[in-house]
Amino acid sequence: MLRLASLFTVLALASSPADAKCAMAHLHPKVVTTQPIIAGGGILVATEQVPYSVKDQGDANQPTWQLEANGTKTAPTIDTLAPGLVVYRVTTAGDASLVDGAKVIARVTASKGNPATLAAPKVKSIRHDKTLGRRSSAYTIVTLDGAPPADAVALVLTDAKGTARSFGLVEGTGPEVTVYEHSRCGVVPNSTVESRIGDKVKVFWVDQSGRVSPASKTTMVSGKTLNAGG
């Protein structure tokens, strides 16, 4: 999740004195959904981290965006699945666009039907490793019992009661998904909660239509904390 933060930190440290400031960043909405989607699902938008030189557009929840279908623009229902991860609901079948004024953010075709949602994730372990000091960083990594499902695009971490804390986008077919990442000059979506060693948590999948799976079994967070000083 938001792996640019690590890159920015490395570049800053490699090109400047140890006491120099690292490259700052801010948040930007990113459309995750591709074609096609399921009517009743929607267009999934994540919050990503971008270089400070890119225009700041805020997080994934953009209240001025509209849904255009059959020549009519309406305010979409926006459901928050996790801090920084939202779905703009598309309630009817057919072609639709998510727009910001005259700018098209995403075009989709919604199909009828109600295919099964993804099964609950099978978790082997969840680790939270943290480094304190000048070069601070923190990562929460979920190790799965096998590859992610082909239709899974995100994994959401919740507390034991089901309240979402953070999320990570699925990248590749490996069994590990990073659901929280924060380096010293990085930023995370508003309301993101950093998990701690010993916390009891769950995870669930999100498909590209913004539909969610049942939650996994409760897992206790393991990991380590290193004080690097500086």
C-alpha atoms as a PDB file:
ATOM      1  CA  MET A   1       0.000   0.000   0.000  1.00  0.00           C
ATOM      2  CA  LEU A   2       1.281   3.425  -1.010  1.00  0.00           C
ATOM      3  CA  ARG A   3       4.777   2.171  -1.688  1.00  0.00           C
ATOM      4  CA  LEU A   4       5.893   5.539  -3.125  1.00  0.00           C
ATOM      5  CA  ALA A   5       6.539   6.706   0.427  1.00  0.00           C
ATOM      6  CA  SER A   6       9.449   4.297   0.780  1.00  0.00           C
ATOM      7  CA  LEU A   7      10.904   5.413  -2.562  1.00  0.00           C
ATOM      8  CA  PHE A   8      10.733   9.087  -1.631  1.00  0.00           C
ATOM      9  CA  THR A   9      12.554   8.430   1.633  1.00  0.00           C
ATOM     10  CA  VAL A  10      15.314   6.425  -0.054  1.00  0.00           C
ATOM     11  CA  LEU A  11      15.883   9.109  -2.689  1.00  0.00           C
ATOM     12  CA  ALA A  12      16.067  11.872  -0.103  1.00  0.00           C
ATOM     13  CA  LEU A  13      18.535  10.024   2.080  1.00  0.00           C
ATOM     14  CA  ALA A  14      20.719   9.015  -0.843  1.00  0.00           C
ATOM     15  CA  SER A  15      21.005  12.498  -2.332  1.00  0.00           C
ATOM     16  CA  SER A  16      21.289  14.753   0.709  1.00  0.00           C
ATOM     17  CA  PRO A  17      23.001  14.995   4.108  1.00  0.00           C
ATOM     18  CA  ALA A  18      21.597  12.926   6.948  1.00  0.00           C
ATOM     19  CA  ASP A  19      19.926  15.970   8.508  1.00  0.00           C
ATOM     20  CA  ALA A  20      18.257  17.101   5.252  1.00  0.00           C
ATOM     21  CA  LYS A  21      14.523  17.068   4.808  1.00  0.00           C
ATOM     22  CA  CYS A  22      13.044  14.179   2.824  1.00  0.00           C
ATOM     23  CA  ALA A  23      10.692  14.585  -0.115  1.00  0.00           C
ATOM     24  CA  MET A  24       7.144  15.313   0.983  1.00  0.00           C
ATOM     25  CA  ALA A  25       4.036  13.834  -0.597  1.00  0.00           C
ATOM     26  CA  HIS A  26       0.269  14.157  -0.529  1.00  0.00           C
ATOM     27  CA  LEU A  27      -2.859  12.203  -1.387  1.00  0.00           C
ATOM     28  CA  HIS A  28      -4.615  11.666  -4.689  1.00  0.00           C
ATOM     29  CA  PRO A  29      -7.672   9.621  -5.814  1.00  0.00           C
ATOM     30  CA  LYS A  30      -6.984   6.615  -8.056  1.00  0.00           C
ATOM     31  CA  VAL A  31      -9.660   4.649  -9.946  1.00  0.00           C
ATOM     32  CA  VAL A  32      -9.152   0.943  -9.286  1.00  0.00           C
ATOM     33  CA  THR A  33     -12.134  -0.478 -11.180  1.00  0.00           C
ATOM     34  CA  THR A  34     -11.699  -1.814 -14.702  1.00  0.00           C
ATOM     35  CA  GLN A  35     -14.280  -3.379 -17.049  1.00  0.00           C
ATOM     36  CA  PRO A  36     -16.907  -4.701 -16.574  1.00  0.00           C
ATOM     37  CA  ILE A  37     -18.686  -4.172 -13.264  1.00  0.00           C
ATOM     38  CA  ILE A  38     -21.797  -5.609 -11.664  1.00  0.00           C
ATOM     39  CA  ALA A  39     -24.891  -3.394 -11.451  1.00  0.00           C
ATOM     40  CA  GLY A  40     -25.432  -2.677  -7.783  1.00  0.00           C
ATOM     41  CA  GLY A  41     -21.693  -2.646  -7.273  1.00  0.00           C
ATOM     42  CA  GLY A  42     -19.835   0.404  -8.447  1.00  0.00           C
ATOM     43  CA  ILE A  43     -16.639   2.204  -9.311  1.00  0.00           C
ATOM     44  CA  LEU A  44     -13.922   1.584  -6.741  1.00  0.00           C
ATOM     45  CA  VAL A  45     -11.594   4.504  -6.001  1.00  0.00           C
ATOM     46  CA  ALA A  46      -8.552   4.311  -3.737  1.00  0.00           C
ATOM     47  CA  THR A  47      -6.421   6.999  -2.163  1.00  0.00           C
ATOM     48  CA  GLU A  48      -2.804   6.844  -3.275  1.00  0.00           C
ATOM     49  CA  GLN A  49       0.290   8.814  -2.359  1.00  0.00           C
ATOM     50  CA  VAL A  50       1.851  11.019  -5.038  1.00  0.00           C
ATOM     51  CA  PRO A  51       4.865  13.383  -5.204  1.00  0.00           C
ATOM     52  CA  TYR A  52       4.287  16.854  -3.838  1.00  0.00           C
ATOM     53  CA  SER A  53       4.826  18.232  -7.366  1.00  0.00           C
ATOM     54  CA  VAL A  54       1.542  16.626  -8.472  1.00  0.00           C
ATOM     55  CA  LYS A  55      -1.571  18.730  -7.862  1.00  0.00           C
ATOM     56  CA  ASP A  56      -3.200  17.837  -4.560  1.00  0.00           C
ATOM     57  CA  GLN A  57      -6.698  16.452  -5.173  1.00  0.00           C
ATOM     58  CA  GLY A  58      -7.363  14.968  -1.744  1.00  0.00           C
ATOM     59  CA  ASP A  59      -8.586  11.492  -0.971  1.00  0.00           C
ATOM     60  CA  ALA A  60     -10.891   9.066  -2.774  1.00  0.00           C
ATOM     61  CA  ASN A  61     -14.127  10.610  -1.496  1.00  0.00           C
ATOM     62  CA  GLN A  62     -14.831  13.421  -3.956  1.00  0.00           C
ATOM     63  CA  PRO A  63     -18.282  14.912  -3.235  1.00  0.00           C
ATOM     64  CA  THR A  64     -18.298  17.024  -6.417  1.00  0.00           C
ATOM     65  CA  TRP A  65     -17.966  14.004  -8.729  1.00  0.00           C
ATOM     66  CA  GLN A  66     -21.151  12.899 -10.474  1.00  0.00           C
ATOM     67  CA  LEU A  67     -22.425   9.770 -12.170  1.00  0.00           C
ATOM     68  CA  GLU A  68     -23.554  10.236 -15.777  1.00  0.00           C
ATOM     69  CA  ALA A  69     -25.854   7.666 -17.424  1.00  0.00           C
ATOM     70  CA  ASN A  70     -28.405   8.010 -20.237  1.00  0.00           C
ATOM     71  CA  GLY A  71     -27.431  11.647 -20.628  1.00  0.00           C
ATOM     72  CA  THR A  72     -28.285  12.525 -17.028  1.00  0.00           C
ATOM     73  CA  LYS A  73     -25.898  13.473 -14.233  1.00  0.00           C
ATOM     74  CA  THR A  74     -26.709  12.537 -10.646  1.00  0.00           C
ATOM     75  CA  ALA A  75     -24.914  12.597  -7.316  1.00  0.00           C
ATOM     76  CA  PRO A  76     -23.794   8.996  -6.691  1.00  0.00           C
ATOM     77  CA  THR A  77     -24.085   7.166  -3.420  1.00  0.00           C
ATOM     78  CA  ILE A  78     -20.561   6.922  -2.005  1.00  0.00           C
ATOM     79  CA  ASP A  79     -19.846   4.060   0.367  1.00  0.00           C
ATOM     80  CA  THR A  80     -16.655   4.070   2.415  1.00  0.00           C
ATOM     81  CA  LEU A  81     -15.140   0.589   2.689  1.00  0.00           C
ATOM     82  CA  ALA A  82     -12.015   1.724   4.557  1.00  0.00           C
ATOM     83  CA  PRO A  83     -10.250   5.004   5.236  1.00  0.00           C
ATOM     84  CA  GLY A  84      -9.163   6.068   1.751  1.00  0.00           C
ATOM     85  CA  LEU A  85     -11.152   3.397  -0.131  1.00  0.00           C
ATOM     86  CA  VAL A  86     -14.643   4.183  -1.446  1.00  0.00           C
ATOM     87  CA  VAL A  87     -17.112   2.876  -4.014  1.00  0.00           C
ATOM     88  CA  TYR A  88     -19.324   5.110  -6.157  1.00  0.00           C
ATOM     89  CA  ARG A  89     -22.452   3.002  -6.585  1.00  0.00           C
ATOM     90  CA  VAL A  90     -23.809   2.252 -10.070  1.00  0.00           C
ATOM     91  CA  THR A  91     -27.352   1.026  -9.504  1.00  0.00           C
ATOM     92  CA  THR A  92     -28.516   0.257 -13.064  1.00  0.00           C
ATOM     93  CA  ALA A  93     -27.126  -1.795 -15.936  1.00  0.00           C
ATOM     94  CA  GLY A  94     -25.596  -0.146 -18.998  1.00  0.00           C
ATOM     95  CA  ASP A  95     -22.917   2.426 -19.738  1.00  0.00           C
ATOM     96  CA  ALA A  96     -22.024   4.972 -17.068  1.00  0.00           C
ATOM     97  CA  SER A  97     -19.303   7.520 -16.429  1.00  0.00           C
ATOM     98  CA  LEU A  98     -17.892   9.071 -13.298  1.00  0.00           C
ATOM     99  CA  VAL A  99     -17.273  12.724 -14.095  1.00  0.00           C
ATOM    100  CA  ASP A 100     -15.877  15.859 -12.515  1.00  0.00           C
ATOM    101  CA  GLY A 101     -17.583  18.634 -14.453  1.00  0.00           C
ATOM    102  CA  ALA A 102     -16.582  18.027 -18.071  1.00  0.00           C
ATOM    103  CA  LYS A 103     -13.699  15.721 -17.120  1.00  0.00           C
ATOM    104  CA  VAL A 104     -14.356  11.978 -17.338  1.00  0.00           C
ATOM    105  CA  ILE A 105     -12.795  10.156 -14.390  1.00  0.00           C
ATOM    106  CA  ALA A 106     -13.870   6.631 -15.408  1.00  0.00           C
ATOM    107  CA  ARG A 107     -16.132   4.907 -17.917  1.00  0.00           C
ATOM    108  CA  VAL A 108     -17.754   1.568 -17.082  1.00  0.00           C
ATOM    109  CA  THR A 109     -20.385  -0.844 -18.319  1.00  0.00           C
ATOM    110  CA  ALA A 110     -22.518  -2.407 -15.614  1.00  0.00           C
ATOM    111  CA  SER A 111     -23.996  -5.832 -16.291  1.00  0.00           C
ATOM    112  CA  LYS A 112     -27.050  -7.475 -14.744  1.00  0.00           C
ATOM    113  CA  GLY A 113     -26.781 -10.510 -12.531  1.00  0.00           C
ATOM    114  CA  ASN A 114     -25.576 -11.301  -9.057  1.00  0.00           C
ATOM    115  CA  PRO A 115     -22.509 -13.545  -9.180  1.00  0.00           C
ATOM    116  CA  ALA A 116     -21.152 -14.880  -5.921  1.00  0.00           C
ATOM    117  CA  THR A 117     -18.913 -12.620  -3.886  1.00  0.00           C
ATOM    118  CA  LEU A 118     -15.383 -13.648  -2.964  1.00  0.00           C
ATOM    119  CA  ALA A 119     -14.832 -16.130  -0.163  1.00  0.00           C
ATOM    120  CA  ALA A 120     -13.373 -14.958   3.145  1.00  0.00           C
ATOM    121  CA  PRO A 121      -9.572 -14.583   3.133  1.00  0.00           C
ATOM    122  CA  LYS A 122      -7.544 -17.405   4.654  1.00  0.00           C
ATOM    123  CA  VAL A 123      -4.844 -15.774   6.767  1.00  0.00           C
ATOM    124  CA  LYS A 124      -1.604 -17.372   7.931  1.00  0.00           C
ATOM    125  CA  SER A 125      -0.267 -14.350   9.818  1.00  0.00           C
ATOM    126  CA  ILE A 126      -0.456 -10.567  10.158  1.00  0.00           C
ATOM    127  CA  ARG A 127       2.706  -8.663  11.089  1.00  0.00           C
ATOM    128  CA  HIS A 128       3.241  -5.053  12.087  1.00  0.00           C
ATOM    129  CA  ASP A 129       6.894  -4.025  11.951  1.00  0.00           C
ATOM    130  CA  LYS A 130       7.863  -0.544  13.065  1.00  0.00           C
ATOM    131  CA  THR A 131      11.095   1.448  13.134  1.00  0.00           C
ATOM    132  CA  LEU A 132      11.398   4.453  15.459  1.00  0.00           C
ATOM    133  CA  GLY A 133      13.746   7.407  15.096  1.00  0.00           C
ATOM    134  CA  ARG A 134      14.611   9.741  12.208  1.00  0.00           C
ATOM    135  CA  ARG A 135      14.095   7.053   9.616  1.00  0.00           C
ATOM    136  CA  SER A 136      10.768   5.954  11.063  1.00  0.00           C
ATOM    137  CA  SER A 137       8.502   3.587   9.180  1.00  0.00           C
ATOM    138  CA  ALA A 138       5.667   1.186   9.874  1.00  0.00           C
ATOM    139  CA  TYR A 139       4.210  -1.654   7.821  1.00  0.00           C
ATOM    140  CA  THR A 140       1.348  -4.094   8.373  1.00  0.00           C
ATOM    141  CA  ILE A 141       1.611  -7.126   6.115  1.00  0.00           C
ATOM    142  CA  VAL A 142      -0.962  -9.891   5.743  1.00  0.00           C
ATOM    143  CA  THR A 143       0.382 -13.297   4.721  1.00  0.00           C
ATOM    144  CA  LEU A 144      -2.293 -15.431   3.097  1.00  0.00           C
ATOM    145  CA  ASP A 145      -2.661 -19.158   2.754  1.00  0.00           C
ATOM    146  CA  GLY A 146      -2.157 -19.022  -1.010  1.00  0.00           C
ATOM    147  CA  ALA A 147      -2.488 -16.489  -3.803  1.00  0.00           C
ATOM    148  CA  PRO A 148      -5.181 -13.789  -3.734  1.00  0.00           C
ATOM    149  CA  PRO A 149      -8.340 -14.578  -5.742  1.00  0.00           C
ATOM    150  CA  ALA A 150      -8.164 -13.410  -9.340  1.00  0.00           C
ATOM    151  CA  ASP A 151     -11.004 -10.900  -8.830  1.00  0.00           C
ATOM    152  CA  ALA A 152      -9.623  -9.393  -5.610  1.00  0.00           C
ATOM    153  CA  VAL A 153      -8.297  -5.859  -6.006  1.00  0.00           C
ATOM    154  CA  ALA A 154      -7.996  -4.742  -2.369  1.00  0.00           C
ATOM    155  CA  LEU A 155      -7.707  -6.160   1.132  1.00  0.00           C
ATOM    156  CA  VAL A 156      -9.191  -4.248   4.072  1.00  0.00           C
ATOM    157  CA  LEU A 157      -7.962  -4.599   7.657  1.00  0.00           C
ATOM    158  CA  THR A 158     -10.521  -4.162  10.452  1.00  0.00           C
ATOM    159  CA  ASP A 159     -10.541  -4.424  14.206  1.00  0.00           C
ATOM    160  CA  ALA A 160     -12.098  -7.470  15.848  1.00  0.00           C
ATOM    161  CA  LYS A 161     -15.551  -5.814  15.741  1.00  0.00           C
ATOM    162  CA  GLY A 162     -15.336  -5.105  12.007  1.00  0.00           C
ATOM    163  CA  THR A 163     -14.459  -1.394  11.959  1.00  0.00           C
ATOM    164  CA  ALA A 164     -12.107  -0.728   9.030  1.00  0.00           C
ATOM    165  CA  ARG A 165      -8.640   0.576   9.907  1.00  0.00           C
ATOM    166  CA  SER A 166      -6.602   0.519   6.683  1.00  0.00           C
ATOM    167  CA  PHE A 167      -6.377  -1.154   3.299  1.00  0.00           C
ATOM    168  CA  GLY A 168      -3.941  -2.297   0.656  1.00  0.00           C
ATOM    169  CA  LEU A 169      -4.263  -2.841  -3.078  1.00  0.00           C
ATOM    170  CA  VAL A 170      -3.510  -6.336  -4.365  1.00  0.00           C
ATOM    171  CA  GLU A 171      -0.347  -6.307  -6.463  1.00  0.00           C
ATOM    172  CA  GLY A 172       0.645  -9.501  -8.248  1.00  0.00           C
ATOM    173  CA  THR A 173      -0.098 -13.052  -7.205  1.00  0.00           C
ATOM    174  CA  GLY A 174       2.112 -13.354  -4.144  1.00  0.00           C
ATOM    175  CA  PRO A 175       0.668 -14.378  -0.777  1.00  0.00           C
ATOM    176  CA  GLU A 176       1.552 -11.086   0.966  1.00  0.00           C
ATOM    177  CA  VAL A 177      -0.528  -7.896   0.893  1.00  0.00           C
ATOM    178  CA  THR A 178       0.591  -4.703   2.622  1.00  0.00           C
ATOM    179  CA  VAL A 179      -2.456  -3.155   4.288  1.00  0.00           C
ATOM    180  CA  TYR A 180      -0.693  -0.282   6.082  1.00  0.00           C
ATOM    181  CA  GLU A 181       2.464   1.637   5.175  1.00  0.00           C
ATOM    182  CA  HIS A 182       3.800   4.878   6.589  1.00  0.00           C
ATOM    183  CA  SER A 183       7.346   6.150   6.210  1.00  0.00           C
ATOM    184  CA  ARG A 184       8.739   9.272   7.886  1.00  0.00           C
ATOM    185  CA  CYS A 185       7.700  11.719   5.151  1.00  0.00           C
ATOM    186  CA  GLY A 186       4.760   9.714   3.910  1.00  0.00           C
ATOM    187  CA  VAL A 187       1.069  10.376   4.401  1.00  0.00           C
ATOM    188  CA  VAL A 188      -1.897   8.070   4.936  1.00  0.00           C
ATOM    189  CA  PRO A 189      -5.618   8.606   4.256  1.00  0.00           C
ATOM    190  CA  ASN A 190      -7.615  10.483   6.880  1.00  0.00           C
ATOM    191  CA  SER A 191      -9.020   8.282   9.679  1.00  0.00           C
ATOM    192  CA  THR A 192      -6.498   5.499   8.995  1.00  0.00           C
ATOM    193  CA  VAL A 193      -5.685   3.578  12.182  1.00  0.00           C
ATOM    194  CA  GLU A 194      -2.268   2.017  12.678  1.00  0.00           C
ATOM    195  CA  SER A 195      -2.555  -1.473  14.155  1.00  0.00           C
ATOM    196  CA  ARG A 196      -0.332  -2.554  17.030  1.00  0.00           C
ATOM    197  CA  ILE A 197       1.376  -5.763  18.030  1.00  0.00           C
ATOM    198  CA  GLY A 198      -1.103  -7.793  20.043  1.00  0.00           C
ATOM    199  CA  ASP A 199      -4.209  -6.320  18.397  1.00  0.00           C
ATOM    200  CA  LYS A 200      -6.906  -8.756  17.297  1.00  0.00           C
ATOM    201  CA  VAL A 201      -7.950  -7.999  13.726  1.00  0.00           C
ATOM    202  CA  LYS A 202      -9.738  -9.337  10.660  1.00  0.00           C
ATOM    203  CA  VAL A 203      -9.478  -8.762   6.900  1.00  0.00           C
ATOM    204  CA  PHE A 204     -11.863  -8.932   3.953  1.00  0.00           C
ATOM    205  CA  TRP A 205     -11.517  -8.810   0.161  1.00  0.00           C
ATOM    206  CA  VAL A 206     -12.904  -6.177  -2.172  1.00  0.00           C
ATOM    207  CA  ASP A 207     -13.542  -6.970  -5.840  1.00  0.00           C
ATOM    208  CA  GLN A 208     -13.373  -4.458  -8.693  1.00  0.00           C
ATOM    209  CA  SER A 209     -17.104  -3.741  -8.421  1.00  0.00           C
ATOM    210  CA  GLY A 210     -16.624  -2.691  -4.806  1.00  0.00           C
ATOM    211  CA  ARG A 211     -18.330  -5.793  -3.422  1.00  0.00           C
ATOM    212  CA  VAL A 212     -16.861  -7.235  -0.237  1.00  0.00           C
ATOM    213  CA  SER A 213     -16.244 -10.765   0.970  1.00  0.00           C
ATOM    214  CA  PRO A 214     -17.033 -12.151   4.407  1.00  0.00           C
ATOM    215  CA  ALA A 215     -14.369 -11.345   6.974  1.00  0.00           C
ATOM    216  CA  SER A 216     -11.565 -13.726   7.867  1.00  0.00           C
ATOM    217  CA  LYS A 217     -11.177 -15.333  11.247  1.00  0.00           C
ATOM    218  CA  THR A 218      -9.732 -13.101  13.969  1.00  0.00           C
ATOM    219  CA  THR A 219      -5.911 -13.001  13.955  1.00  0.00           C
ATOM    220  CA  MET A 220      -3.553 -11.513  16.534  1.00  0.00           C
ATOM    221  CA  VAL A 221      -0.999  -9.093  15.128  1.00  0.00           C
ATOM    222  CA  SER A 222       2.632 -10.109  15.631  1.00  0.00           C
ATOM    223  CA  GLY A 223       5.782  -8.183  14.666  1.00  0.00           C
ATOM    224  CA  LYS A 224       8.636  -6.172  16.114  1.00  0.00           C
ATOM    225  CA  THR A 225       9.597  -2.594  16.949  1.00  0.00           C
ATOM    226  CA  LEU A 226      13.131  -1.345  16.324  1.00  0.00           C
ATOM    227  CA  ASN A 227      14.540   1.902  17.735  1.00  0.00           C
ATOM    228  CA  ALA A 228      16.982   3.151  15.109  1.00  0.00           C
ATOM    229  CA  GLY A 229      17.755   6.386  16.964  1.00  0.00           C
ATOM    230  CA  GLY A 230      18.993   9.405  15.067  1.00  0.00           C
END
